[in-house]
Amino acid sequence: MAGAGLDIVIMAAGKGTRMRSKWPKVLHRLGGKSLLQHVLDTVAPLGARRIVVVTGYEGEAVQAAVRSPNLVFVRQEPQLGTGHAVQQALPLLGSDGTTLILNGDVPLLRAATAHALVSACEASRLALLTAQFDDPRGYGRVVRAGAAGGTVPEGGLIKRIVEDKDASPVDLGIREVYTGSMAAPTAALRRWVGGLRNQNAQGEYYLTDVVASAVAEGVPVVSVQPESRTEVLGVNSAGQLAELERRLQREQAEALLDAGVRLADPARFEQRGELHCGQDVEIDIGCIFEGSVSLGDDVRIGAHCVIRNAVIEAGATIRPFTHIDGESLGARVGAHASVGPYARLRGGATLGADVHVGNFVEIKNARLGRAAKANHLAYLGDTEVGERVNFGAGSITANYDGANKHRTTIGADAHVGSNCVLVAPVTVGPGATIGAGSTLSRDAPPGQLTLARARQTTLAGWKRPTKG
């Protein structure tokens, strides 16, 4: 979008003392991914030639936790302000073009807004992202001047930015604030940042002082406004993080509603990754979607389900309190299948069309053919299940011998009775019946009844022990 002459600097050095956490602030999670990863994903479509992340506190952890094309890191130690942070990045920037500067703790900036900021710069102007706040405390104020040189609250030429702690009583009344993002001609930025001084209340090198430098050189200073105030809200405390989480979830819920998804209550919906929905999808209250989830047409999700890294095909029903976690292998539920309530599907679980999986059934790395059923209190691990198999209540596949996993194969139309144990590796032939209570350690032939249990015995005259 923005062209090959673009470099991006993301400031991510702070500890975030007010978070009261041992983790770097930018690695706290919002909507299922870190604050910094949100920013990196936002700028990915801009096509920057390089993205420089300025780290400081726990820099190695930050570097290990995020990924993006053309990403490089530089360390800021000690941390002497935002201007000092950009000074560390300068050796990695190109000699021409535009530099976009963002903050790693402002996660919900939209790509369109970042692009608008770069476009406003035009590699020749200083472009600032500003916003109007009813309560501007803590933010740098945008000071503008009228045609006659007098200070005006808005509408005039940008003259300077004054930080909150250095602001006069008149400056403190200004509601237009600098949000921490700017785009500047790279060559000019080098001059301006190189000339920064730390004569201020904090004893730091303020990046905002480059505005006065641009004005002094006659470089136009322009502003861009975000579409929503939410875009420019930063995170400095657990409370602010929680507030942004709610804003993000509401925005995602509204986008789904606009697309025709029926949410029983948008306030009780959580999307912490990518969620793709077909037509006429219904989602009940309290559901959480993580990783990458795809819901086909006419899918119904019952209340309080957790679904991660899974594909649910058209017409399937996921009943309340079901937990599907496809992990790295993914999970798939076939068309018109029914899962739950209180079922658990793990990585590699693949259910064919019209499969029924009922309450308290766990399935891991197993494939169930069309119309197979496991309706109650069962475990199927590392198993190939044929079409129309009935797997009885309380039955399990014993797939682990203490050192290695082994597979079980159950042929089409087989019937496994209640409370059976199939000790893998073992094969149950097509159409076979396994009598209830059997422990099977050898293959069962197709089309026949196989029993593997002790003969029932009654001991005459036996008496139950009593206390002495």
Foldseek 3Di string as FASTA:
>chain_A
DADAQEEEEEEQAAQLVQAVDLHRQQQDDFLQGGLQQLVQVQCQVNNYCAYEYEYERVRVVVVVRHDGPRYDYFYDPPQFEDLSSVVRCLVVHDQWHKYKYYYSQLRQAHSVQSSVQSVVQVLFAKEFAKEFDPQQPQFWAFWFAAPVGHTDLDDHFGQFTGGNVQDDPVRNPRRIGGLGIMMHTSNLLVVLSVPFAQPGPRSGGYSRRSSNVCVVVVGGYYYDYGPDPSSRDGDSYPVSSVVNNQVVQLVVLVVVVVVAEAEQDSSQERRREAEAEEHHEYEYGNEYEHAHEYEEACEYEEHNEYAYQEYEYAQEYEYPCEYEEQDPQYEYAEHNEYAEDCEYEYHLHYEYANEYHYHQEYEYNEYAEANEYEHECEYEYQEYHEHNEYAEHQEYEQQDPPDDGAYEYEYACEYEYHNEYEYPPEYEYHCEYEDHNAYHDYYHYHNYYDYHDDDDDDDPPDDDDDDD
